[in-house]
């Protein structure tokens, strides 16, 4: 029986662990927190998982909240004018529903499921020295922790990493009491573009106490919405979010007027993320090698909502690669090949996400405007969140975008 060590108990690490376990592999998961501490801790993200990523969970029987989580059926895009009025406002329909499940709920449940099925869970803060000592006892070691000391094992890929600092300041809150958005007949991820300030997102979600909504500000660093430095208390974070809604997205602010509150004491998150791509093979001091997983090797800003989707797809790709490799050694060649397969999807996500962090070129602004009168364009834009590779086929190239708009206009 082949032995696998996975360091990290997030979307990718646990999905891969449970997948390998189901195929008879001897898997150990190392995590810095037990399941109950994850469940009772602070939110980890503002994830929204689209259909392609959810299918990777369903294939393993891990989509446990389909009957409880609000089903997200579209992407609502709003561009705010200088006076806060909606200059552009439309909804694109998704071909397959998306959903957002609080990762505290998901990861604690998955970790308990892994243990109940006989998997070994070691609770400790892993160090490079730990991995150097433990690696010889395993056929393969995977690192699924993208922060801290272990991330230093993986060299930054300068050719694929155009940024050396965070491009947005983030503030998120899970809330109860938010009113419905007028004019939307389906549940959507609300994507509000606020020139000179950043972006504001609203999406329905599920947390341990039941359905809720997630509010997320992506503020331009140093801009008028970058107000969360040093703010940590949940009520203060929520107050700051609502104040910005009042100022910049008054249509969304109206949804708060009946009173909203955080879902629990750990339901807010602030921070900044530097987008980066790292090389997939981490070299240990003693000569061993470990394989980086998901956001360890591809970290994108949350502006396109692809973090958990990338993680699920990485887990699926690595699972297939490990199963296909049979009894052969998991050498550096295997590690690079597995990552290269993942990069086939992650490259399009990274290029699109990085493009969204810059001011939209005129032709993209035109696409967003035209989508307001041509539902086919709005729907294709929305479904790019599920299939980011499609962006390369039309939106990321001005000539392809112009040709596509011309063809849709002719049909219309």
Protein backbone atom coordinates (compact mmCIF):
# COMPACT_ATOMS: atom_id res chain seq x y z
CA UNK A 1 0.00 0.00 0.00
CA UNK A 2 1.43 3.38 -0.99
CA UNK A 3 1.82 5.93 1.78
CA UNK A 4 0.95 9.61 1.30
CA UNK A 5 1.39 12.58 3.64
CA UNK A 6 -0.70 15.68 2.98
CA UNK A 7 0.13 18.78 4.99
CA UNK A 8 -2.91 21.04 5.20
CA UNK A 9 -6.62 20.46 5.70
CA UNK A 10 -8.22 22.89 3.26
CA UNK A 11 -10.26 22.34 0.10
CA UNK A 12 -7.46 20.77 -1.93
CA UNK A 13 -5.70 18.85 0.84
CA UNK A 14 -8.81 17.18 2.24
CA UNK A 15 -10.44 16.55 -1.13
CA UNK A 16 -7.27 14.83 -2.30
CA UNK A 17 -6.91 12.91 0.98
CA UNK A 18 -10.47 11.60 0.82
CA UNK A 19 -10.07 10.71 -2.84
CA UNK A 20 -6.87 8.76 -2.25
CA UNK A 21 -8.39 7.11 0.80
CA UNK A 22 -11.31 5.88 -1.30
CA UNK A 23 -8.80 4.14 -3.59
CA UNK A 24 -7.06 2.31 -0.77
CA UNK A 25 -4.04 4.57 -0.21
CA UNK A 26 -2.57 4.92 3.27
CA UNK A 27 -3.03 8.66 3.83
CA UNK A 28 -2.00 10.88 6.72
CA UNK A 29 -3.24 14.47 7.01
CA UNK A 30 -1.24 16.93 9.07
CA UNK A 31 -3.12 20.03 10.18
CA UNK A 32 -2.51 22.80 12.69
CA UNK A 33 -6.06 22.57 14.07
CA UNK A 34 -8.48 19.76 14.95
CA UNK A 35 -11.95 19.69 13.42
CA UNK A 36 -13.72 21.40 16.32
CA UNK A 37 -11.23 24.29 16.29
CA UNK A 38 -11.78 24.75 12.56
CA UNK A 39 -15.56 24.74 13.02
CA UNK A 40 -15.45 27.25 15.89
CA UNK A 41 -12.72 29.44 14.41
CA UNK A 42 -12.64 32.42 12.08
CA UNK A 43 -13.88 32.26 8.49
CA UNK A 44 -11.16 31.39 6.02
CA UNK A 45 -12.53 32.75 2.76
CA UNK A 46 -15.50 34.07 0.82
CA UNK A 47 -15.59 31.17 -1.58
CA UNK A 48 -18.08 30.49 -4.36
CA UNK A 49 -17.76 27.14 -6.11
CA UNK A 50 -19.03 26.80 -9.65
CA UNK A 51 -20.38 23.72 -11.37
CA UNK A 52 -17.13 22.32 -12.82
CA UNK A 53 -15.47 22.41 -9.39
CA UNK A 54 -18.54 21.03 -7.65
CA UNK A 55 -18.49 18.08 -10.04
CA UNK A 56 -15.07 17.08 -8.68
CA UNK A 57 -16.64 16.92 -5.20
CA UNK A 58 -19.69 15.00 -6.43
CA UNK A 59 -17.44 12.41 -8.05
CA UNK A 60 -16.13 11.57 -4.57
CA UNK A 61 -19.47 11.82 -2.76
CA UNK A 62 -18.33 15.00 -0.97
CA UNK A 63 -20.96 17.51 -2.11
CA UNK A 64 -22.76 17.14 1.21
CA UNK A 65 -24.64 20.46 1.27
CA UNK A 66 -26.41 20.54 -2.10
CA UNK A 67 -29.80 20.32 -0.41
CA UNK A 68 -29.04 23.06 2.12
CA UNK A 69 -26.82 25.65 0.45
CA UNK A 70 -28.54 28.39 -1.56
CA UNK A 71 -28.25 27.60 -5.25
CA UNK A 72 -26.60 30.49 -7.10
CA UNK A 73 -27.97 30.73 -10.63
CA UNK A 74 -26.30 33.81 -12.08
CA UNK A 75 -23.73 36.59 -11.97
CA UNK A 76 -25.06 40.11 -11.51
CA UNK A 77 -22.73 42.82 -12.84
CA UNK A 78 -23.20 46.45 -11.82
CA UNK A 79 -21.01 49.40 -12.73
CA UNK A 80 -21.53 52.38 -10.43
CA UNK A 81 -21.50 55.94 -11.70
CA UNK A 82 -19.93 58.90 -9.84
CA UNK A 83 -23.21 59.57 -8.01
CA UNK A 84 -23.59 55.93 -6.90
CA UNK A 85 -26.31 55.25 -9.46
CA UNK A 86 -26.16 52.03 -11.47
CA UNK A 87 -24.72 53.05 -14.83
CA UNK A 88 -24.75 49.39 -15.96
CA UNK A 89 -26.77 46.64 -14.34
CA UNK A 90 -27.46 43.17 -15.73
CA UNK A 91 -27.56 39.46 -14.83
CA UNK A 92 -25.97 36.60 -16.72
CA UNK A 93 -27.39 33.15 -16.13
CA UNK A 94 -25.16 30.20 -15.23
CA UNK A 95 -25.63 26.93 -17.10
CA UNK A 96 -25.07 25.04 -13.84
CA UNK A 97 -25.75 26.24 -10.31
CA UNK A 98 -22.98 27.42 -8.01
CA UNK A 99 -22.90 27.37 -4.21
CA UNK A 100 -20.96 28.81 -1.29
CA UNK A 101 -20.42 26.76 1.87
CA UNK A 102 -18.54 28.26 4.80
CA UNK A 103 -15.21 26.45 4.79
CA UNK A 104 -15.32 26.12 8.56
CA UNK A 105 -18.34 23.86 8.14
CA UNK A 106 -17.00 22.04 5.09
CA UNK A 107 -13.44 21.41 6.25
CA UNK A 108 -14.34 20.34 9.77
CA UNK A 109 -16.89 17.86 8.38
CA UNK A 110 -14.49 16.52 5.76
CA UNK A 111 -11.70 16.14 8.35
CA UNK A 112 -14.04 14.19 10.63
CA UNK A 113 -15.17 12.07 7.68
CA UNK A 114 -11.55 11.29 6.77
CA UNK A 115 -10.78 10.22 10.34
CA UNK A 116 -13.98 8.17 10.64
CA UNK A 117 -12.96 6.25 7.51
CA UNK A 118 -9.67 5.28 9.12
CA UNK A 119 -7.43 8.11 7.99
CA UNK A 120 -4.68 9.33 10.31
CA UNK A 121 -4.85 12.96 11.44
CA UNK A 122 -1.82 14.54 13.08
CA UNK A 123 -2.48 17.91 14.71
CA UNK A 124 0.66 20.01 14.70
CA UNK A 125 2.13 23.13 13.12
CA UNK A 126 4.40 21.50 10.55
CA UNK A 127 7.87 22.93 9.97
CA UNK A 128 10.43 22.38 7.25
CA UNK A 129 12.44 20.34 9.77
CA UNK A 130 9.39 18.12 10.36
CA UNK A 131 9.00 17.42 6.66
CA UNK A 132 12.72 16.80 6.23
CA UNK A 133 12.52 14.19 8.99
CA UNK A 134 9.23 12.60 7.91
CA UNK A 135 9.56 12.56 4.11
CA UNK A 136 11.64 9.33 3.89
CA UNK A 137 8.79 7.42 5.57
CA UNK A 138 6.31 8.27 2.80
CA UNK A 139 6.10 7.55 -0.90
CA UNK A 140 4.87 11.10 -1.54
CA UNK A 141 4.54 14.28 0.51
CA UNK A 142 2.22 17.06 -0.64
CA UNK A 143 2.12 20.54 0.88
CA UNK A 144 -1.30 22.19 0.82
CA UNK A 145 -0.51 25.08 3.18
CA UNK A 146 0.15 28.27 1.25
CA UNK A 147 1.28 30.48 4.12
CA UNK A 148 4.11 30.55 6.62
CA UNK A 149 7.38 28.69 6.69
CA UNK A 150 6.40 25.88 4.34
CA UNK A 151 5.62 28.26 1.48
CA UNK A 152 9.30 29.22 1.49
CA UNK A 153 10.12 25.78 0.10
CA UNK A 154 8.63 26.76 -3.25
CA UNK A 155 10.53 29.21 -5.44
CA UNK A 156 8.62 32.16 -6.93
CA UNK A 157 8.18 31.85 -10.70
CA UNK A 158 9.02 35.39 -11.78
CA UNK A 159 7.86 34.86 -15.37
CA UNK A 160 4.35 34.01 -14.19
CA UNK A 161 4.17 36.45 -11.27
CA UNK A 162 3.78 40.07 -12.41
CA UNK A 163 2.97 41.42 -8.94
CA UNK A 164 5.22 41.74 -5.91
CA UNK A 165 2.64 43.23 -3.55
CA UNK A 166 -1.10 42.93 -2.81
CA UNK A 167 -3.38 44.50 -5.40
CA UNK A 168 -6.45 44.72 -3.17
CA UNK A 169 -7.25 45.19 0.52
CA UNK A 170 -9.90 42.65 1.51
CA UNK A 171 -12.70 42.76 4.07
CA UNK A 172 -15.42 40.10 4.30
CA UNK A 173 -18.35 39.40 6.61
CA UNK A 174 -20.92 36.61 6.82
CA UNK A 175 -24.21 38.25 7.77
CA UNK A 176 -27.83 37.55 8.62
CA UNK A 177 -30.74 39.84 7.80
CA UNK A 178 -29.74 41.15 4.37
CA UNK A 179 -32.76 42.00 2.25
CA UNK A 180 -33.35 40.80 -1.33
CA UNK A 181 -31.86 42.74 -4.23
CA UNK A 182 -34.63 44.42 -6.24
CA UNK A 183 -34.75 43.44 -9.88
CA UNK A 184 -33.07 40.04 -9.52
CA UNK A 185 -35.42 37.11 -10.10
CA UNK A 186 -32.71 34.50 -9.42
CA UNK A 187 -30.04 34.15 -6.69
CA UNK A 188 -26.80 35.68 -7.96
CA UNK A 189 -23.29 36.67 -7.05
CA UNK A 190 -23.54 40.46 -7.11
CA UNK A 191 -20.37 41.94 -8.69
CA UNK A 192 -20.27 45.72 -8.20
CA UNK A 193 -17.49 47.64 -9.95
CA UNK A 194 -16.79 50.96 -8.21
CA UNK A 195 -14.35 53.13 -10.21
CA UNK A 196 -11.46 54.51 -8.14
CA UNK A 197 -12.51 52.44 -5.08
CA UNK A 198 -12.48 48.76 -6.06
CA UNK A 199 -15.12 46.03 -6.16
CA UNK A 200 -17.91 44.92 -3.85
CA UNK A 201 -19.40 41.42 -3.90
CA UNK A 202 -22.55 39.98 -2.34
CA UNK A 203 -23.44 36.30 -2.48
CA UNK A 204 -25.78 33.88 -0.69
CA UNK A 205 -24.02 31.21 1.34
CA UNK A 206 -24.44 28.50 3.95
CA UNK A 207 -22.81 28.56 7.37
CA UNK A 208 -23.23 26.20 10.31
CA UNK A 209 -26.29 28.10 11.58
CA UNK A 210 -28.00 28.09 8.18
CA UNK A 211 -28.29 30.27 5.06
CA UNK A 212 -26.69 33.71 5.17
CA UNK A 213 -25.02 36.23 2.86
CA UNK A 214 -21.37 37.10 2.37
CA UNK A 215 -20.25 40.72 1.86
CA UNK A 216 -16.78 41.28 0.41
CA UNK A 217 -14.92 44.50 -0.33
CA UNK A 218 -11.90 44.38 -2.66
CA UNK A 219 -10.48 47.87 -2.08
CA UNK A 220 -7.77 49.50 -4.14
CA UNK A 221 -4.80 49.92 -1.79
CA UNK A 222 -4.60 53.52 -0.65
CA UNK A 223 -8.00 54.28 -2.16
CA UNK A 224 -11.14 55.56 -0.45
CA UNK A 225 -12.36 52.03 0.43
CA UNK A 226 -9.06 50.95 2.00
CA UNK A 227 -10.22 51.57 5.57
CA UNK A 228 -9.72 48.26 7.38
CA UNK A 229 -6.11 48.52 8.50
CA UNK A 230 -5.94 47.46 12.15
CA UNK A 231 -9.67 46.64 12.30
CA UNK A 232 -10.25 43.17 13.74
CA UNK A 233 -13.44 43.11 15.84
CA UNK A 234 -16.36 41.59 13.89
CA UNK A 235 -18.81 44.42 14.61
CA UNK A 236 -16.21 47.00 13.58
CA UNK A 237 -15.49 45.16 10.34
CA UNK A 238 -19.20 44.96 9.55
CA UNK A 239 -19.69 48.63 10.40
CA UNK A 240 -16.88 49.57 8.01
CA UNK A 241 -18.35 47.41 5.25
CA UNK A 242 -21.81 48.94 5.66
CA UNK A 243 -20.40 52.48 5.73
CA UNK A 244 -18.68 51.83 2.41
CA UNK A 245 -21.90 50.38 1.01
CA UNK A 246 -23.74 53.56 1.98
CA UNK A 247 -21.13 55.69 0.22
CA UNK A 248 -20.36 53.70 -2.91
CA UNK A 249 -23.15 51.17 -3.57
CA UNK A 250 -26.35 52.74 -2.20
CA UNK A 251 -28.51 50.19 -4.00
CA UNK A 252 -26.86 47.40 -2.03
CA UNK A 253 -26.90 49.49 1.15
CA UNK A 254 -30.71 49.64 1.00
CA UNK A 255 -30.73 45.89 1.61
CA UNK A 256 -29.25 46.50 5.08
CA UNK A 257 -31.90 48.95 6.32
CA UNK A 258 -33.94 46.39 8.24
CA UNK A 259 -30.81 45.55 10.24
CA UNK A 260 -28.04 43.06 9.57
CA UNK A 261 -25.62 41.37 11.95
CA UNK A 262 -22.67 39.04 11.73
CA UNK A 263 -23.57 35.37 11.87
CA UNK A 264 -21.11 34.65 14.71
CA UNK A 265 -18.02 35.94 16.47
CA UNK A 266 -15.67 34.48 13.87
CA UNK A 267 -17.54 35.53 10.75
CA UNK A 268 -15.31 38.37 9.50
CA UNK A 269 -11.97 38.46 7.76
CA UNK A 270 -9.58 41.21 6.66
CA UNK A 271 -6.28 40.91 4.85
CA UNK A 272 -4.23 41.34 1.70
CA UNK A 273 -2.99 38.70 -0.73
CA UNK A 274 -0.05 38.98 -3.09
CA UNK A 275 -0.81 37.03 -6.28
CA UNK A 276 2.05 34.64 -7.05
CA UNK A 277 2.89 31.50 -8.99
CA UNK A 278 5.56 29.25 -7.47
CA UNK A 279 7.50 26.33 -8.86
CA UNK A 280 5.81 23.06 -7.87
CA UNK A 281 8.73 21.12 -6.39
CA UNK A 282 9.88 22.08 -2.92
CA UNK A 283 13.43 21.04 -2.03
CA UNK A 284 14.03 19.82 1.52
CA UNK A 285 17.36 20.42 3.29
CA UNK A 286 18.09 16.70 3.42
CA UNK A 287 17.68 16.22 -0.33
CA UNK A 288 14.04 15.12 -0.44
CA UNK A 289 11.31 16.79 -2.49
CA UNK A 290 7.68 17.69 -1.81
CA UNK A 291 4.88 18.66 -4.20
CA UNK A 292 3.00 21.95 -3.80
CA UNK A 293 -0.80 21.89 -4.03
CA UNK A 294 -3.33 24.52 -5.19
CA UNK A 295 -2.70 27.99 -3.73
CA UNK A 296 0.73 26.94 -2.48
CA UNK A 297 1.82 27.08 -6.12
CA UNK A 298 -0.88 29.29 -7.69
CA UNK A 299 -2.19 32.09 -5.47
CA UNK A 300 -4.71 34.41 -7.13
CA UNK A 301 -6.52 37.43 -5.78
CA UNK A 302 -10.16 36.57 -4.87
CA UNK A 303 -11.54 39.12 -7.35
CA UNK A 304 -12.64 36.36 -9.74
CA UNK A 305 -13.75 33.95 -7.02
CA UNK A 306 -11.51 31.14 -8.24
CA UNK A 307 -9.57 30.10 -5.13
CA UNK A 308 -11.70 27.16 -4.01
CA UNK A 309 -12.43 26.25 -7.64
CA UNK A 310 -8.71 26.08 -8.42
CA UNK A 311 -8.17 24.01 -5.28
CA UNK A 312 -10.85 21.48 -6.19
CA UNK A 313 -9.56 21.14 -9.74
CA UNK A 314 -5.97 20.76 -8.50
CA UNK A 315 -7.07 17.98 -6.15
CA UNK A 316 -8.84 16.21 -9.01
CA UNK A 317 -5.84 16.52 -11.35
CA UNK A 318 -3.38 15.31 -8.71
CA UNK A 319 -5.65 12.41 -7.75
CA UNK A 320 -5.80 11.23 -11.36
CA UNK A 321 -2.03 11.65 -11.74
CA UNK A 322 -1.26 9.65 -8.58
CA UNK A 323 -3.65 6.84 -9.51
CA UNK A 324 -2.25 6.63 -13.04
CA UNK A 325 1.34 6.53 -11.77
CA UNK A 326 0.90 3.11 -10.21
CA UNK A 327 3.90 1.75 -8.32
CA UNK A 328 6.51 3.99 -9.93
CA UNK A 329 8.48 6.42 -7.74
CA UNK A 330 6.96 9.84 -7.18
CA UNK A 331 10.06 11.65 -8.34
CA UNK A 332 10.55 15.26 -9.37
CA UNK A 333 9.54 14.43 -12.93
CA UNK A 334 6.19 13.14 -11.69
CA UNK A 335 5.72 16.27 -9.57
CA UNK A 336 6.43 18.66 -12.42
CA UNK A 337 4.18 16.71 -14.79
CA UNK A 338 1.28 16.72 -12.31
CA UNK A 339 1.62 20.46 -11.85
CA UNK A 340 1.83 21.04 -15.60
CA UNK A 341 -1.54 19.31 -16.00
CA UNK A 342 -3.02 21.54 -13.29
CA UNK A 343 -1.46 24.62 -14.88
CA UNK A 344 -3.41 23.96 -18.07
CA UNK A 345 -6.49 25.15 -16.16
CA UNK A 346 -4.78 27.45 -13.69
CA UNK A 347 -3.00 29.48 -16.39
CA UNK A 348 -6.26 30.83 -17.81
CA UNK A 349 -7.52 31.63 -14.31
CA UNK A 350 -4.30 33.45 -13.46
CA UNK A 351 -4.22 35.51 -16.66
CA UNK A 352 -7.88 36.48 -16.29
CA UNK A 353 -7.57 37.31 -12.60
CA UNK A 354 -4.48 39.42 -13.11
CA UNK A 355 -6.21 41.26 -15.95
CA UNK A 356 -9.17 42.05 -13.66
CA UNK A 357 -6.82 43.68 -11.15
CA UNK A 358 -5.82 46.31 -13.70
CA UNK A 359 -8.19 49.02 -14.96
CA UNK A 360 -10.46 47.51 -17.59
CA UNK A 361 -9.34 48.38 -21.14
CA UNK A 362 -11.87 50.22 -23.26
CA UNK A 363 -12.88 47.16 -25.27
CA UNK A 364 -13.69 45.17 -22.07
CA UNK A 365 -15.74 48.08 -20.74
CA UNK A 366 -17.61 47.98 -24.05
CA UNK A 367 -18.29 44.25 -23.66
CA UNK A 368 -19.74 44.84 -20.18
CA UNK A 369 -21.94 47.62 -21.54
CA UNK A 370 -23.15 45.57 -24.51
CA UNK A 371 -23.99 42.64 -22.20
CA UNK A 372 -26.72 44.83 -20.72
CA UNK A 373 -28.71 44.65 -23.95
CA UNK A 374 -27.58 41.26 -25.32
CA UNK A 375 -28.40 38.41 -22.89
CA UNK A 376 -26.18 35.98 -24.83
CA UNK A 377 -23.13 38.12 -24.01
CA UNK A 378 -24.16 38.42 -20.36
CA UNK A 379 -24.63 34.65 -20.10
CA UNK A 380 -21.27 33.90 -21.70
CA UNK A 381 -19.57 36.37 -19.35
CA UNK A 382 -21.23 34.69 -16.36
CA UNK A 383 -20.26 31.19 -17.44
CA UNK A 384 -16.64 32.23 -17.71
CA UNK A 385 -16.55 31.99 -13.92
CA UNK A 386 -17.26 28.29 -14.34
CA UNK A 387 -14.98 27.79 -17.35
CA UNK A 388 -12.20 30.38 -17.20
CA UNK A 389 -10.56 28.89 -20.27
CA UNK A 390 -13.35 30.45 -22.31
CA UNK A 391 -12.04 33.94 -21.54
CA UNK A 392 -9.07 33.26 -23.80
CA UNK A 393 -11.41 32.36 -26.63
CA UNK A 394 -13.04 35.78 -26.68
CA UNK A 395 -12.66 38.32 -23.86
CA UNK A 396 -8.91 38.56 -23.29
CA UNK A 397 -8.19 39.51 -26.90
CA UNK A 398 -9.70 42.71 -28.36
CA UNK A 399 -10.02 41.31 -31.88
CA UNK A 400 -11.74 38.13 -30.68
CA UNK A 401 -14.05 40.18 -28.45
CA UNK A 402 -15.01 42.46 -31.34
CA UNK A 403 -15.66 39.50 -33.62
CA UNK A 404 -17.80 37.79 -31.01
CA UNK A 405 -19.88 40.91 -30.31
CA UNK A 406 -20.38 41.40 -34.05
CA UNK A 407 -21.62 37.82 -34.47
CA UNK A 408 -24.03 38.07 -31.53
CA UNK A 409 -25.31 41.46 -32.70
CA UNK A 410 -25.98 40.03 -36.16
CA UNK A 411 -27.92 37.12 -34.69
CA UNK A 412 -29.85 39.49 -32.44
